[in-house]
Amino acid sequence: MTVRVGLLGAGTVGAGTFAVLARNADEIARRAGRAIQIVRIADLDLDRAARVADGRAEVTTDASAIVDAPDIDVVVELIGGYDIARTLVMRAIAAGKHVVTANKALLAVHGNAIFAAAHERGVMVAFEAAVAGGIPIIKALREGLAANRIEWIAGIINGTTNFILSEMRSRGLPFAEVLAQAQQLGYAEADPTFDIDGIDAAHKATIMAAIAFGTPMRFESAHIEGIRHLDAKDIRFAEQLGYRIKLLGIARRRERNGLPLGFELRVHPTLIPSSRLLASVEGAMNAVWVHGDAVGHTMFYGKGAGAEPTASAVVADLVDVTRTLTADPDHRVPHLAFQPDALSDLPVLPIGDIESGYYLRMAVADQPGVLADVTRIVAQRGISIGSVLQPEPGAGENSTDVVLLTHRALERDVDEAIAAIEALPTVLGPVVRLRMEDLS
């Protein structure tokens, strides 16, 4: 018996999903045990939906009609956004339909309610495509690494920002110029806020952390910084010191004396050693570095966006759903890897309680004693300095940059040190602070 699918959204990913499912129909049926067919497509642009369907599926502008149709087994939600998507997904669940979605924003913000409703109704919500496009990181965390206690995750999970940082590093261009280039090439949206301000990466990091640590979604507690204000000179100085700057989504367990404190959930530009595999991920590619207590370090790499890479994950979810249609709901893989009644209340630590190495750059007056004053302030807070970079000032200039790399320290101690440094009359502006991760 054919599994009948309703597709909501005929955009880039929707078109890719329809194409992949049609092209590989026989192979997919062999894997799933039965045929899977998209029989209806909803999109506000009816002409676009008709082009995608090419006469092989009904098209409509009414997404509700598909959600409510009694002959639809699975709803694929590729509309995006929060409100309309949430309404349609919850209606599909209430109607007893399984759902496949690529909507990371929806799950990061409303996932707790969606998964609770799906569990109560006995249906699946599959979302491999919501994080890192075609990279099967959700299945890896939820199933492949199920024997492990996941200690931390660090991911380059936004292709737009990785492209921008790669271009800034390789060509020495300022942020604004590279952003404009990314928009011309289609890597960045006309409104790139979600990407460059780290929100998209935070949605994805939230989902991965929930699965890795067995907690509810905690997006509201994530610390989020983007790359909007990153200076090309910091990328250049980092390179001179043996590091590259990447926008990372980081989730890390923290303990004290063997007892859990909570976990870090943060997105920000991060210096990582140039020798690390993650540092070599360039352009619009994604990569996720996972450390489990049994498996050690693993890295998952590939295309994080695009029509067919993301469609690959959507169709894989359709295969998973099809395989389990007749399974007892209590024996399916739980949405967040752990049984719903076994989720932990482990809190997200405030950013002041995180531990990291730090890159501190300051413009200072070119006169004796300045560096001694700065290092004294840092030492008084118990922060150890690993490296110092002090480029020669240009001819006729009365100021220069000083860069300090610290060993791991508490963020709140670094905050205090920065405030004291900025109060020095010889420091000529705000201190630039970037975090560092060794990933070892």
Protein backbone atom coordinates (compact mmCIF):
# COMPACT_ATOMS: atom_id res chain seq x y z
CA MET A 1 0.00 0.00 0.00
CA THR A 2 1.43 3.37 -1.03
CA VAL A 3 2.15 5.94 1.67
CA ARG A 4 0.42 9.14 0.58
CA VAL A 5 2.23 12.36 1.38
CA GLY A 6 1.04 15.96 1.44
CA LEU A 7 3.77 18.55 0.82
CA LEU A 8 3.39 22.03 2.30
CA GLY A 9 5.74 24.40 0.49
CA ALA A 10 7.03 24.17 -3.09
CA GLY A 11 10.12 26.30 -2.66
CA THR A 12 13.73 25.22 -3.07
CA VAL A 13 13.61 22.33 -0.59
CA GLY A 14 10.06 21.33 -1.52
CA ALA A 15 11.02 21.10 -5.19
CA GLY A 16 14.14 19.13 -4.29
CA THR A 17 12.13 16.72 -2.16
CA PHE A 18 9.63 16.06 -4.92
CA ALA A 19 12.44 15.54 -7.45
CA VAL A 20 14.49 13.17 -5.27
CA LEU A 21 11.45 11.12 -4.27
CA ALA A 22 10.35 10.79 -7.91
CA ARG A 23 13.80 10.06 -9.30
CA ASN A 24 14.68 7.40 -6.73
CA ALA A 25 11.17 6.00 -6.23
CA ASP A 26 12.08 2.35 -6.80
CA GLU A 27 15.16 2.44 -4.56
CA ILE A 28 13.23 4.23 -1.83
CA ALA A 29 10.39 1.72 -1.99
CA ARG A 30 12.89 -1.13 -1.62
CA ARG A 31 14.29 0.53 1.50
CA ALA A 32 10.96 1.54 3.03
CA GLY A 33 9.03 -1.63 2.23
CA ARG A 34 6.35 0.21 0.30
CA ALA A 35 6.01 3.05 -2.20
CA ILE A 36 6.04 6.67 -0.98
CA GLN A 37 4.31 9.25 -3.16
CA ILE A 38 3.64 12.98 -2.82
CA VAL A 39 0.07 13.22 -4.00
CA ARG A 40 -0.75 16.85 -3.09
CA ILE A 41 1.29 20.04 -2.90
CA ALA A 42 0.22 23.30 -1.26
CA ASP A 43 1.87 26.64 -1.97
CA LEU A 44 0.58 30.20 -2.12
CA ASP A 45 2.26 30.41 -5.54
CA LEU A 46 0.06 27.97 -7.47
CA ASP A 47 2.13 28.28 -10.65
CA ARG A 48 5.29 27.33 -8.74
CA ALA A 49 3.52 24.33 -7.20
CA ALA A 50 2.28 23.27 -10.64
CA ARG A 51 5.82 23.44 -12.06
CA VAL A 52 7.11 21.24 -9.25
CA ALA A 53 4.26 18.72 -9.57
CA ASP A 54 4.51 18.59 -13.37
CA GLY A 55 1.13 16.89 -13.52
CA ARG A 56 2.10 14.13 -11.07
CA ALA A 57 0.37 15.58 -7.98
CA GLU A 58 -2.61 17.78 -7.19
CA VAL A 59 -1.80 21.39 -6.31
CA THR A 60 -3.62 23.90 -4.13
CA THR A 61 -3.10 27.14 -2.28
CA ASP A 62 -4.91 25.76 0.78
CA ALA A 63 -2.48 24.01 3.13
CA SER A 64 -5.28 23.26 5.59
CA ALA A 65 -7.05 21.15 2.99
CA ILE A 66 -4.02 18.87 2.81
CA VAL A 67 -3.60 18.70 6.59
CA ASP A 68 -7.27 17.80 7.03
CA ALA A 69 -7.51 15.33 4.12
CA PRO A 70 -8.32 11.85 5.46
CA ASP A 71 -6.33 10.08 2.73
CA ILE A 72 -3.01 11.81 3.58
CA ASP A 73 -0.74 9.67 5.77
CA VAL A 74 2.22 12.02 6.25
CA VAL A 75 2.47 15.81 6.12
CA VAL A 76 5.81 17.34 5.08
CA GLU A 77 6.07 20.91 6.37
CA LEU A 78 8.55 23.05 4.42
CA ILE A 79 6.89 26.44 4.83
CA GLY A 80 9.22 27.76 7.53
CA GLY A 81 8.56 30.37 10.20
CA TYR A 82 6.79 30.04 13.51
CA ASP A 83 3.06 30.77 13.55
CA ILE A 84 1.42 29.31 10.43
CA ALA A 85 3.74 26.31 10.47
CA ARG A 86 2.99 25.63 14.14
CA THR A 87 -0.77 25.75 13.52
CA LEU A 88 -0.54 23.36 10.58
CA VAL A 89 1.80 20.92 12.33
CA MET A 90 -0.38 20.79 15.45
CA ARG A 91 -3.49 20.24 13.31
CA ALA A 92 -1.77 17.42 11.45
CA ILE A 93 -0.78 15.78 14.73
CA ALA A 94 -4.31 16.16 16.12
CA ALA A 95 -5.60 14.46 12.96
CA GLY A 96 -3.30 11.49 13.62
CA LYS A 97 -0.88 12.23 10.80
CA HIS A 98 2.88 11.83 10.99
CA VAL A 99 4.90 14.96 10.28
CA VAL A 100 8.26 15.54 8.60
CA THR A 101 9.71 19.06 8.91
CA ALA A 102 12.88 20.97 8.10
CA ASN A 103 11.79 23.88 10.29
CA LYS A 104 14.51 24.40 12.93
CA ALA A 105 13.00 27.67 14.17
CA LEU A 106 9.64 25.99 14.80
CA LEU A 107 11.19 23.11 16.75
CA ALA A 108 13.65 25.21 18.77
CA VAL A 109 10.86 27.52 19.94
CA HIS A 110 7.77 25.27 19.99
CA GLY A 111 9.29 21.79 19.90
CA ASN A 112 8.39 20.89 23.49
CA ALA A 113 4.68 21.38 22.85
CA ILE A 114 4.85 19.71 19.42
CA PHE A 115 6.64 16.59 20.71
CA ALA A 116 4.30 16.31 23.69
CA ALA A 117 1.28 16.43 21.38
CA ALA A 118 2.82 13.89 19.01
CA HIS A 119 3.63 11.52 21.88
CA GLU A 120 0.09 11.74 23.22
CA ARG A 121 -1.42 11.13 19.77
CA GLY A 122 1.04 8.31 18.96
CA VAL A 123 2.50 9.88 15.82
CA MET A 124 6.02 10.74 14.73
CA VAL A 125 7.57 14.12 14.10
CA ALA A 126 10.77 13.62 12.07
CA PHE A 127 13.21 16.49 11.60
CA GLU A 128 16.59 15.36 10.28
CA ALA A 129 16.58 18.19 7.73
CA ALA A 130 16.17 20.83 10.43
CA VAL A 131 19.87 20.74 11.36
CA ALA A 132 22.81 20.81 8.93
CA GLY A 133 20.85 19.98 5.76
CA GLY A 134 22.04 16.72 4.27
CA ILE A 135 24.32 15.76 7.18
CA PRO A 136 22.56 13.01 9.20
CA ILE A 137 23.53 14.49 12.57
CA ILE A 138 20.12 13.97 14.22
CA LYS A 139 20.14 10.24 13.49
CA ALA A 140 23.76 10.02 14.63
CA LEU A 141 23.04 11.69 17.97
CA ARG A 142 19.74 9.92 18.54
CA GLU A 143 20.66 6.42 17.38
CA GLY A 144 24.24 5.92 16.17
CA LEU A 145 25.76 7.36 19.35
CA ALA A 146 23.09 6.03 21.72
CA ALA A 147 25.68 4.08 23.73
CA ASN A 148 27.56 7.28 24.58
CA ARG A 149 27.35 9.96 27.17
CA ILE A 150 27.73 12.97 24.90
CA GLU A 151 30.17 15.41 26.52
CA TRP A 152 30.09 18.24 24.01
CA ILE A 153 29.16 19.33 20.51
CA ALA A 154 30.73 22.10 18.44
CA GLY A 155 29.27 22.81 15.03
CA ILE A 156 29.68 25.05 12.01
CA ILE A 157 25.98 24.92 11.28
CA ASN A 158 25.29 28.00 9.19
CA GLY A 159 26.69 28.02 5.68
CA THR A 160 26.12 31.73 5.08
CA THR A 161 28.32 32.84 7.95
CA ASN A 162 30.97 30.24 7.17
CA PHE A 163 31.15 31.52 3.60
CA ILE A 164 31.50 35.10 4.84
CA LEU A 165 34.24 34.23 7.34
CA SER A 166 36.10 32.16 4.74
CA GLU A 167 36.07 35.05 2.27
CA MET A 168 37.11 37.59 4.91
CA ARG A 169 40.07 35.38 5.83
CA SER A 170 41.23 34.42 2.35
CA ARG A 171 40.73 37.80 0.69
CA GLY A 172 41.13 40.21 3.62
CA LEU A 173 37.82 41.93 2.82
CA PRO A 174 35.57 43.72 5.33
CA PHE A 175 32.36 42.11 6.54
CA ALA A 176 29.95 44.42 4.68
CA GLU A 177 31.61 43.80 1.31
CA VAL A 178 31.58 40.01 1.70
CA LEU A 179 27.96 40.04 2.89
CA ALA A 180 26.94 41.89 -0.27
CA GLN A 181 28.82 39.30 -2.33
CA ALA A 182 27.08 36.46 -0.45
CA GLN A 183 23.70 38.02 -1.23
CA GLN A 184 24.58 38.33 -4.93
CA LEU A 185 25.59 34.65 -5.03
CA GLY A 186 22.43 33.53 -3.22
CA TYR A 187 24.22 32.36 -0.06
CA ALA A 188 22.58 35.10 2.03
CA GLU A 189 18.98 36.28 2.10
CA ALA A 190 17.97 39.86 1.33
CA ASP A 191 17.39 40.11 5.10
CA PRO A 192 20.30 38.09 6.51
CA THR A 193 19.55 38.79 10.18
CA PHE A 194 18.89 35.20 11.26
CA ASP A 195 22.18 34.08 9.73
CA ILE A 196 24.65 36.84 10.58
CA ASP A 197 23.27 37.43 14.08
CA GLY A 198 23.60 33.73 14.98
CA ILE A 199 19.89 33.02 15.45
CA ASP A 200 19.70 30.27 12.82
CA ALA A 201 22.74 28.53 14.34
CA ALA A 202 21.22 28.87 17.81
CA HIS A 203 18.01 27.15 16.66
CA LYS A 204 20.09 24.22 15.41
CA ALA A 205 22.37 24.09 18.46
CA THR A 206 19.28 24.03 20.69
CA ILE A 207 17.93 20.96 18.90
CA MET A 208 21.26 19.11 19.02
CA ALA A 209 21.74 19.90 22.72
CA ALA A 210 18.28 18.61 23.60
CA ILE A 211 19.00 15.29 21.89
CA ALA A 212 22.56 15.00 23.20
CA PHE A 213 21.71 15.70 26.83
CA GLY A 214 18.12 14.49 27.01
CA THR A 215 16.55 17.83 27.96
CA PRO A 216 13.63 19.87 26.66
CA MET A 217 14.32 22.58 24.09
CA ARG A 218 15.95 25.57 25.82
CA PHE A 219 16.32 28.13 23.04
CA GLU A 220 15.31 31.01 25.30
CA SER A 221 18.37 30.31 27.50
CA ALA A 222 20.94 30.19 24.69
CA HIS A 223 23.67 32.83 24.52
CA ILE A 224 23.76 34.19 20.97
CA GLU A 225 26.31 36.41 19.23
CA GLY A 226 26.71 36.78 15.48
CA ILE A 227 29.44 38.01 13.17
CA ARG A 228 27.96 41.38 12.20
CA HIS A 229 30.61 43.37 14.10
CA LEU A 230 33.60 41.14 13.42
CA ASP A 231 36.64 43.11 12.21
CA ALA A 232 38.85 41.74 9.43
CA LYS A 233 41.92 42.62 11.50
CA ASP A 234 40.85 40.11 14.17
CA ILE A 235 40.69 37.39 11.54
CA ARG A 236 44.18 38.41 10.41
CA PHE A 237 45.61 38.51 13.95
CA ALA A 238 44.03 35.14 14.75
CA GLU A 239 45.72 33.68 11.67
CA GLN A 240 49.09 35.03 12.80
CA LEU A 241 48.58 33.34 16.18
CA GLY A 242 47.71 29.96 14.58
CA TYR A 243 43.90 30.15 14.78
CA ARG A 244 40.88 30.54 12.54
CA ILE A 245 37.62 32.20 13.49
CA LYS A 246 34.40 30.24 12.94
CA LEU A 247 30.84 30.87 14.09
CA LEU A 248 30.29 27.84 16.32
CA GLY A 249 27.22 26.43 18.01
CA ILE A 250 28.50 24.87 21.23
CA ALA A 251 26.78 22.62 23.77
CA ARG A 252 28.88 21.24 26.62
CA ARG A 253 28.15 19.41 29.87
CA ARG A 254 29.61 20.94 33.00
CA GLU A 255 30.25 19.20 36.30
CA ARG A 256 31.86 20.03 39.62
CA ASN A 257 33.20 17.30 41.90
CA GLY A 258 31.42 14.71 39.79
CA LEU A 259 28.03 16.40 40.15
CA PRO A 260 26.19 17.99 37.20
CA LEU A 261 26.09 21.79 37.14
CA GLY A 262 24.23 22.16 33.87
CA PHE A 263 25.25 22.64 30.28
CA GLU A 264 26.54 25.44 28.12
CA LEU A 265 24.44 26.43 25.11
CA ARG A 266 26.05 29.22 23.12
CA VAL A 267 26.64 30.54 19.61
CA HIS A 268 29.42 33.02 18.90
CA PRO A 269 32.53 33.64 16.78
CA THR A 270 35.23 31.33 18.11
CA LEU A 271 38.97 30.97 17.61
CA ILE A 272 39.96 27.35 16.98
CA PRO A 273 43.49 26.07 16.24
CA SER A 274 44.22 26.01 12.52
CA SER A 275 45.35 22.38 12.87
CA ARG A 276 41.87 21.16 13.84
CA LEU A 277 39.71 19.51 11.18
CA LEU A 278 36.88 21.92 11.96
CA ALA A 279 39.13 24.87 11.08
CA SER A 280 39.53 23.56 7.52
CA VAL A 281 35.78 23.66 6.80
CA GLU A 282 35.47 26.46 4.26
CA GLY A 283 32.84 28.11 2.10
CA ALA A 284 29.18 27.27 2.67
CA MET A 285 29.88 23.79 4.07
CA ASN A 286 28.73 22.59 7.50
CA ALA A 287 30.45 20.33 10.02
CA VAL A 288 29.60 19.07 13.50
CA TRP A 289 32.22 17.82 15.95
CA VAL A 290 30.89 15.49 18.65
CA HIS A 291 32.68 14.02 21.64
CA GLY A 292 31.21 10.93 23.30
CA ASP A 293 32.74 9.12 26.25
CA ALA A 294 32.96 5.80 24.37
CA VAL A 295 33.49 6.81 20.74
CA GLY A 296 35.77 9.79 21.39
CA HIS A 297 35.86 12.48 18.69
CA THR A 298 33.73 12.22 15.57
CA MET A 299 33.10 14.79 12.84
CA PHE A 300 30.15 14.96 10.44
CA TYR A 301 30.75 17.05 7.31
CA GLY A 302 28.74 18.00 4.25
CA LYS A 303 26.38 20.44 2.59
CA GLY A 304 24.21 22.16 5.18
CA ALA A 305 21.68 23.62 2.76
CA GLY A 306 20.47 23.48 -0.81
CA ALA A 307 17.62 21.78 -2.61
CA GLU A 308 18.78 18.18 -2.88
CA PRO A 309 21.10 17.92 0.17
CA THR A 310 18.22 19.02 2.41
CA ALA A 311 15.77 16.91 0.40
CA SER A 312 18.01 13.92 1.10
CA ALA A 313 17.26 14.33 4.80
CA VAL A 314 13.55 14.97 4.25
CA VAL A 315 13.17 11.80 2.17
CA ALA A 316 15.21 9.80 4.70
CA ASP A 317 12.71 10.89 7.34
CA LEU A 318 9.85 9.77 5.09
CA VAL A 319 11.51 6.35 4.82
CA ASP A 320 11.88 6.16 8.62
CA VAL A 321 8.25 7.12 9.15
CA THR A 322 7.10 4.56 6.59
CA ARG A 323 9.12 1.78 8.23
CA THR A 324 7.46 2.43 11.58
CA LEU A 325 3.86 3.00 10.49
CA THR A 326 2.82 -0.34 11.93
CA ALA A 327 5.13 -0.23 14.96
CA ASP A 328 3.92 0.19 18.51
CA PRO A 329 4.41 3.91 19.28
CA ASP A 330 6.05 3.01 22.60
CA HIS A 331 8.82 1.17 20.75
CA ARG A 332 9.78 3.89 18.26
CA VAL A 333 12.92 5.96 18.68
CA PRO A 334 11.89 8.88 20.95
CA HIS A 335 11.86 12.34 19.39
CA LEU A 336 14.64 13.61 21.66
CA ALA A 337 16.45 10.25 21.98
CA PHE A 338 15.41 9.76 25.62
CA GLN A 339 11.99 8.55 26.73
CA PRO A 340 9.68 11.54 27.37
CA ASP A 341 9.33 10.72 31.07
CA ALA A 342 13.12 10.48 31.42
CA LEU A 343 14.06 13.96 30.19
CA SER A 344 16.42 15.83 32.49
CA ASP A 345 15.89 19.24 34.08
CA LEU A 346 19.60 20.02 33.62
CA PRO A 347 19.76 23.83 33.36
CA VAL A 348 21.53 25.98 30.79
CA LEU A 349 24.36 27.82 32.51
CA PRO A 350 24.45 31.63 32.24
CA ILE A 351 27.22 32.93 30.02
CA GLY A 352 29.09 34.30 33.04
CA ASP A 353 29.60 30.73 34.27
CA ILE A 354 31.09 29.33 31.08
CA GLU A 355 34.77 28.50 30.78
CA SER A 356 36.78 29.28 27.68
CA GLY A 357 40.03 30.68 26.46
CA TYR A 358 39.87 34.30 25.34
CA TYR A 359 41.25 36.54 22.63
CA LEU A 360 41.40 40.13 23.87
CA ARG A 361 42.37 42.95 21.51
CA MET A 362 42.75 46.55 22.59
CA ALA A 363 43.98 49.75 20.98
CA VAL A 364 46.49 51.36 23.36
CA ALA A 365 48.69 54.42 23.50
CA ASP A 366 52.18 53.70 22.20
CA GLN A 367 54.06 54.38 25.44
CA PRO A 368 56.02 52.38 28.04
CA GLY A 369 54.21 50.45 30.76
CA VAL A 370 50.90 49.89 29.01
CA LEU A 371 51.33 46.15 28.54
CA ALA A 372 52.49 45.77 32.15
CA ASP A 373 49.33 47.49 33.41
CA VAL A 374 47.13 45.25 31.28
CA THR A 375 48.82 41.99 32.27
CA ARG A 376 48.71 43.00 35.96
CA ILE A 377 44.93 43.49 35.77
CA VAL A 378 44.48 40.12 34.08
CA ALA A 379 46.70 38.33 36.62
CA GLN A 380 44.82 39.88 39.56
CA ARG A 381 41.68 38.03 38.36
CA GLY A 382 43.54 34.72 38.28
CA ILE A 383 43.60 34.63 34.48
CA SER A 384 46.70 33.12 32.88
CA ILE A 385 48.06 34.60 29.65
CA GLY A 386 49.18 32.18 26.94
CA SER A 387 50.37 34.50 24.16
CA VAL A 388 50.83 38.20 23.42
CA LEU A 389 50.84 39.84 20.00
CA GLN A 390 51.87 43.50 19.72
CA PRO A 391 52.21 44.63 16.11
CA GLU A 392 54.52 47.57 15.42
CA PRO A 393 52.61 50.85 15.07
CA GLY A 394 52.61 52.46 11.67
CA ALA A 395 54.87 55.39 10.92
CA GLY A 396 53.67 58.51 12.68
CA GLU A 397 50.99 56.65 14.69
CA ASN A 398 50.68 57.18 18.44
CA SER A 399 48.67 54.02 19.12
CA THR A 400 48.94 50.31 18.47
CA ASP A 401 46.99 47.11 18.99
CA VAL A 402 47.75 44.62 21.74
CA VAL A 403 46.32 41.10 21.56
CA LEU A 404 46.28 38.71 24.51
CA LEU A 405 45.37 35.03 24.35
CA THR A 406 44.37 33.62 27.73
CA HIS A 407 44.14 30.11 29.06
CA ARG A 408 40.69 28.87 30.13
CA ALA A 409 38.95 31.18 32.55
CA LEU A 410 35.47 31.97 33.82
CA GLU A 411 33.64 34.52 31.69
CA ARG A 412 32.66 36.64 34.68
CA ASP A 413 36.34 36.99 35.66
CA VAL A 414 37.16 38.06 32.13
CA ASP A 415 34.28 40.58 32.23
CA GLU A 416 35.81 42.14 35.35
CA ALA A 417 39.25 42.26 33.76
CA ILE A 418 37.91 43.91 30.61
CA ALA A 419 36.08 46.58 32.64
CA ALA A 420 39.30 47.39 34.53
CA ILE A 421 41.37 47.45 31.32
CA GLU A 422 38.93 49.79 29.60
CA ALA A 423 39.21 52.16 32.58
CA LEU A 424 42.95 52.65 31.96
CA PRO A 425 43.68 56.06 30.40
CA THR A 426 46.12 54.41 28.00
CA VAL A 427 43.46 52.08 26.53
CA LEU A 428 41.80 53.94 23.68
CA GLY A 429 38.46 52.21 23.26
CA PRO A 430 36.44 49.08 24.00
CA VAL A 431 38.26 45.75 24.27
CA VAL A 432 37.38 43.24 21.55
CA ARG A 433 36.68 39.88 23.18
CA LEU A 434 36.40 36.59 21.28
CA ARG A 435 36.23 33.14 22.84
CA MET A 436 38.63 30.29 22.05
CA GLU A 437 38.06 26.55 21.99
CA ASP A 438 40.84 23.97 21.63
CA LEU A 439 38.45 21.14 20.63
CA SER A 440 40.85 18.52 22.00
